[in-house]
Amino acid sequence: MNLVVDIGNSRTKLAIFLKKELIDSWTVDELKIGRLEEIKKNYPDLRRAILSSVSTTDPEVISYLKSGFSYFLELNYLTPVPINNQYKSPQTLGLDRLAAAIGARELFPGKDLLVIDAGTAVTLDLIESNGTFLGGNISPGLQSRFRALHEFTRNLPLIAEKGEYLEIGQTSEEAIRSGVINGMVFEMDGSIDLFRKKRPGLQPLLTGGDALFFERRLKNAIFVKFEITLIGLNRILEYNVENQ
């Protein structure tokens, strides 16, 4: 069994896999050794672990993962992966983006894929049917756009996404909400349409904290999968075990 640890900007996701099957998963605000010990106690067959982190990880956590598992992999840009990465600056590519691309390919092998991650930032990444990661785009996420309008202007209020939004706002609050949400919908739908011109069979996938918010607003049919990054990290772990 495998333990997958994905430390993000604000939260940490943990998951248990039996080969390709997701057995259990959790989200925590902060990763503590006590939580890892509890998981290990509940799943005594855990033998391997992978860690992906966007920031510096507690050395005690690293030490526990190294000593508590027969095989431990700390993901970085030099780690071998089961995909052809054509990103020109691999050292700057977010590990979550790479893992999500690999997770998408696990779900839809042999298809052209567009992975949209709607979180703090919105990332759109393109993967060809032959397993080549071409790169993608990064723009501010939903909350980032609301905050930017408030913090970088003199009079615009900070609002939430909940509330009525129309094609044309008739108050400042409506105008902000309509502009931000409609702009992101146009961005996502427009990107899908653009990439489908050359790749008619393109499969779009949506993940991230705001995935459900946008799923029902997009005109394009889209596959939503919250665990796509975890699936990708598990595949990277399996790939490195197979090729050690």
Protein backbone atom coordinates (compact mmCIF):
# COMPACT_ATOMS: atom_id res chain seq x y z
CA MET A 1 0.00 0.00 0.00
CA ASN A 2 1.09 3.57 -0.73
CA LEU A 3 0.82 6.79 1.25
CA VAL A 4 0.56 9.97 -0.84
CA VAL A 5 1.26 13.33 0.83
CA ASP A 6 0.54 16.54 -1.08
CA ILE A 7 1.42 19.72 0.83
CA GLY A 8 -0.16 22.74 -0.84
CA ASN A 9 -0.20 26.47 -0.17
CA SER A 10 -2.85 26.32 2.54
CA ARG A 11 -3.71 22.67 3.16
CA THR A 12 -2.26 19.18 3.03
CA LYS A 13 -3.92 16.23 1.33
CA LEU A 14 -3.15 12.64 2.28
CA ALA A 15 -4.31 9.50 0.53
CA ILE A 16 -3.96 5.72 0.77
CA PHE A 17 -3.68 3.70 -2.43
CA LEU A 18 -3.70 -0.02 -3.02
CA LYS A 19 -1.91 -0.14 -6.37
CA LYS A 20 -4.15 2.15 -8.50
CA GLU A 21 -7.17 2.09 -6.20
CA LEU A 22 -7.80 5.07 -3.90
CA ILE A 23 -8.72 3.58 -0.51
CA ASP A 24 -9.00 6.65 1.71
CA SER A 25 -8.09 10.35 1.78
CA TRP A 26 -7.99 13.30 4.18
CA THR A 27 -7.38 17.03 4.11
CA VAL A 28 -5.64 18.73 7.05
CA ASP A 29 -4.56 22.28 7.79
CA GLU A 30 -1.12 21.20 8.99
CA LEU A 31 0.72 17.91 8.76
CA LYS A 32 1.88 16.53 12.11
CA ILE A 33 3.82 13.36 12.87
CA GLY A 34 0.98 12.24 15.14
CA ARG A 35 -1.35 12.13 12.14
CA LEU A 36 1.13 10.06 10.15
CA GLU A 37 1.53 7.66 13.08
CA GLU A 38 -2.25 7.32 13.32
CA ILE A 39 -2.52 6.52 9.61
CA LYS A 40 0.30 4.01 9.83
CA LYS A 41 -1.42 2.32 12.79
CA ASN A 42 -4.74 2.10 10.93
CA TYR A 43 -3.07 0.85 7.74
CA PRO A 44 -0.25 -1.48 8.88
CA ASP A 45 0.36 -2.67 5.30
CA LEU A 46 1.66 0.75 4.24
CA ARG A 47 5.13 0.24 2.83
CA ARG A 48 5.80 3.12 0.43
CA ALA A 49 5.29 6.87 0.53
CA ILE A 50 5.65 9.89 -1.74
CA LEU A 51 5.79 13.54 -0.66
CA SER A 52 5.11 16.57 -2.84
CA SER A 53 5.39 20.00 -1.24
CA VAL A 54 5.18 23.58 -2.51
CA SER A 55 7.20 24.85 0.46
CA THR A 56 9.82 23.78 2.99
CA THR A 57 8.68 20.68 4.87
CA ASP A 58 9.16 20.03 8.57
CA PRO A 59 12.43 18.02 8.86
CA GLU A 60 10.82 15.77 11.47
CA VAL A 61 8.11 14.81 8.99
CA ILE A 62 10.75 14.00 6.38
CA SER A 63 12.69 11.95 8.91
CA TYR A 64 9.58 10.00 9.90
CA LEU A 65 8.69 9.22 6.28
CA LYS A 66 12.24 8.08 5.57
CA SER A 67 12.44 5.80 8.61
CA GLY A 68 8.85 4.59 8.72
CA PHE A 69 8.56 3.29 5.16
CA SER A 70 10.59 0.81 3.20
CA TYR A 71 10.51 3.14 0.16
CA PHE A 72 10.18 6.93 0.35
CA LEU A 73 10.22 9.36 -2.57
CA GLU A 74 10.38 13.13 -2.17
CA LEU A 75 9.25 14.55 -5.49
CA ASN A 76 11.31 17.23 -7.25
CA TYR A 77 11.84 18.34 -10.83
CA LEU A 78 14.59 15.74 -11.36
CA THR A 79 12.39 12.80 -10.33
CA PRO A 80 11.74 10.39 -13.24
CA VAL A 81 8.10 10.57 -14.34
CA PRO A 82 5.96 8.53 -16.78
CA ILE A 83 5.39 11.46 -19.11
CA ASN A 84 7.47 13.39 -21.65
CA ASN A 85 7.89 16.80 -20.01
CA GLN A 86 8.57 19.49 -22.65
CA TYR A 87 8.35 22.42 -20.23
CA LYS A 88 11.36 24.64 -20.92
CA SER A 89 11.97 25.45 -17.25
CA PRO A 90 11.14 22.19 -15.45
CA GLN A 91 12.63 23.51 -12.22
CA THR A 92 9.88 26.16 -12.09
CA LEU A 93 6.98 23.88 -13.04
CA GLY A 94 4.65 23.36 -10.10
CA LEU A 95 4.82 19.75 -8.96
CA ASP A 96 1.04 19.78 -8.54
CA ARG A 97 0.64 20.71 -12.21
CA LEU A 98 2.93 17.88 -13.30
CA ALA A 99 1.21 15.37 -11.02
CA ALA A 100 -2.24 16.45 -12.24
CA ALA A 101 -1.14 15.93 -15.84
CA ILE A 102 0.04 12.43 -15.01
CA GLY A 103 -3.17 11.75 -13.08
CA ALA A 104 -5.22 12.87 -16.08
CA ARG A 105 -3.30 10.50 -18.34
CA GLU A 106 -3.99 7.67 -15.90
CA LEU A 107 -7.71 8.38 -16.21
CA PHE A 108 -7.74 8.96 -19.98
CA PRO A 109 -4.76 7.18 -21.58
CA GLY A 110 -4.17 7.86 -25.25
CA LYS A 111 -6.26 11.06 -25.37
CA ASP A 112 -5.39 14.73 -25.79
CA LEU A 113 -6.07 16.33 -22.41
CA LEU A 114 -6.61 19.81 -21.01
CA VAL A 115 -6.31 19.91 -17.21
CA ILE A 116 -7.90 22.96 -15.58
CA ASP A 117 -7.10 23.48 -11.90
CA ALA A 118 -9.33 26.17 -10.38
CA GLY A 119 -7.78 27.10 -7.06
CA THR A 120 -5.77 30.03 -5.71
CA ALA A 121 -4.52 30.29 -9.28
CA VAL A 122 -6.12 28.89 -12.41
CA THR A 123 -3.79 26.63 -14.37
CA LEU A 124 -4.56 25.14 -17.77
CA ASP A 125 -2.18 22.42 -18.93
CA LEU A 126 -2.14 20.57 -22.25
CA ILE A 127 -1.06 16.95 -22.60
CA GLU A 128 -0.90 15.27 -26.00
CA SER A 129 -2.25 11.79 -26.64
CA ASN A 130 1.30 10.41 -26.90
CA GLY A 131 2.02 11.45 -23.31
CA THR A 132 3.83 14.74 -23.97
CA PHE A 133 3.30 17.55 -21.50
CA LEU A 134 3.40 20.72 -23.61
CA GLY A 135 2.88 23.35 -20.89
CA GLY A 136 0.02 25.67 -20.14
CA ASN A 137 -1.25 28.95 -18.76
CA ILE A 138 -1.49 30.47 -15.29
CA SER A 139 -3.88 33.21 -14.20
CA PRO A 140 -5.36 34.42 -10.88
CA GLY A 141 -8.05 32.28 -9.27
CA LEU A 142 -11.50 33.35 -8.12
CA GLN A 143 -10.60 34.72 -4.68
CA SER A 144 -7.35 36.19 -6.00
CA ARG A 145 -9.30 38.28 -8.53
CA PHE A 146 -11.80 39.54 -5.96
CA ARG A 147 -8.97 40.49 -3.58
CA ALA A 148 -6.91 42.16 -6.30
CA LEU A 149 -9.80 44.44 -7.30
CA HIS A 150 -10.27 45.44 -3.66
CA GLU A 151 -6.61 45.83 -2.69
CA PHE A 152 -5.32 47.56 -5.83
CA THR A 153 -8.13 50.08 -6.26
CA ARG A 154 -9.26 52.92 -4.05
CA ASN A 155 -13.02 52.34 -3.77
CA LEU A 156 -13.99 48.86 -4.92
CA PRO A 157 -15.31 46.61 -2.13
CA LEU A 158 -14.19 43.08 -1.33
CA ILE A 159 -17.07 40.78 -2.20
CA ALA A 160 -17.74 37.04 -2.24
CA GLU A 161 -18.69 34.87 -5.17
CA LYS A 162 -22.05 34.02 -3.59
CA GLY A 163 -24.82 36.24 -4.85
CA GLU A 164 -26.55 37.16 -8.06
CA TYR A 165 -24.44 37.74 -11.11
CA LEU A 166 -25.76 38.78 -14.50
CA GLU A 167 -24.45 39.51 -17.97
CA ILE A 168 -24.31 43.19 -16.99
CA GLY A 169 -23.99 44.33 -13.37
CA GLN A 170 -26.06 47.33 -12.28
CA THR A 171 -24.28 47.95 -8.99
CA SER A 172 -20.57 47.90 -8.21
CA GLU A 173 -20.98 44.62 -6.34
CA GLU A 174 -22.87 43.04 -9.25
CA ALA A 175 -20.36 44.42 -11.76
CA ILE A 176 -17.41 42.94 -9.85
CA ARG A 177 -19.08 39.56 -9.39
CA SER A 178 -20.24 39.42 -13.00
CA GLY A 179 -16.90 40.57 -14.36
CA VAL A 180 -14.83 38.11 -12.34
CA ILE A 181 -17.04 35.04 -12.75
CA ASN A 182 -17.98 35.61 -16.38
CA GLY A 183 -14.37 36.41 -17.21
CA MET A 184 -13.19 33.11 -15.74
CA VAL A 185 -15.96 31.16 -17.47
CA PHE A 186 -15.04 32.76 -20.82
CA GLU A 187 -11.37 31.99 -20.15
CA MET A 188 -12.01 28.30 -19.46
CA ASP A 189 -14.57 27.76 -22.22
CA GLY A 190 -12.50 29.80 -24.67
CA SER A 191 -9.39 27.74 -23.93
CA ILE A 192 -11.26 24.48 -24.45
CA ASP A 193 -12.64 25.76 -27.76
CA LEU A 194 -9.22 27.03 -28.86
CA PHE A 195 -7.37 23.79 -28.18
CA ARG A 196 -10.15 21.69 -29.72
CA LYS A 197 -9.64 23.38 -33.07
CA LYS A 198 -6.42 21.38 -33.54
CA ARG A 199 -7.41 18.49 -31.28
CA PRO A 200 -11.12 17.67 -31.88
CA GLY A 201 -11.08 14.75 -29.44
CA LEU A 202 -9.67 16.85 -26.58
CA GLN A 203 -10.83 15.73 -23.13
CA PRO A 204 -11.04 18.61 -20.61
CA LEU A 205 -10.72 17.85 -16.89
CA LEU A 206 -11.51 20.19 -14.02
CA THR A 207 -10.08 20.01 -10.50
CA GLY A 208 -9.31 22.34 -7.61
CA GLY A 209 -11.25 23.97 -4.80
CA ASP A 210 -13.56 25.92 -7.13
CA ALA A 211 -14.19 23.05 -9.56
CA LEU A 212 -17.84 22.48 -8.65
CA PHE A 213 -18.54 26.22 -8.72
CA PHE A 214 -17.47 26.42 -12.36
CA GLU A 215 -18.63 23.00 -13.56
CA ARG A 216 -22.27 24.06 -13.80
CA ARG A 217 -21.38 27.38 -15.43
CA LEU A 218 -19.25 26.11 -18.33
CA LYS A 219 -20.92 25.45 -21.68
CA ASN A 220 -18.44 22.68 -22.45
CA ALA A 221 -18.99 19.27 -20.88
CA ILE A 222 -16.11 18.66 -18.50
CA PHE A 223 -14.90 15.78 -16.31
CA VAL A 224 -14.49 16.81 -12.66
CA LYS A 225 -12.01 14.89 -10.50
CA PHE A 226 -10.77 16.31 -7.20
CA GLU A 227 -8.23 13.52 -6.62
CA ILE A 228 -6.43 13.93 -9.93
CA THR A 229 -3.20 15.22 -8.34
CA LEU A 230 -3.19 12.40 -5.76
CA ILE A 231 -3.72 9.86 -8.55
CA GLY A 232 -0.78 11.35 -10.43
CA LEU A 233 1.50 11.29 -7.38
CA ASN A 234 0.63 7.65 -6.76
CA ARG A 235 1.49 6.85 -10.39
CA ILE A 236 4.85 8.62 -10.04
CA LEU A 237 5.59 6.55 -6.93
CA GLU A 238 4.64 3.30 -8.68
CA TYR A 239 6.72 4.26 -11.72
CA ASN A 240 9.84 4.87 -9.65
CA VAL A 241 9.38 1.63 -7.71
CA GLU A 242 9.03 -0.27 -10.99
CA ASN A 243 12.22 1.28 -12.37
CA GLN A 244 14.50 1.32 -9.35
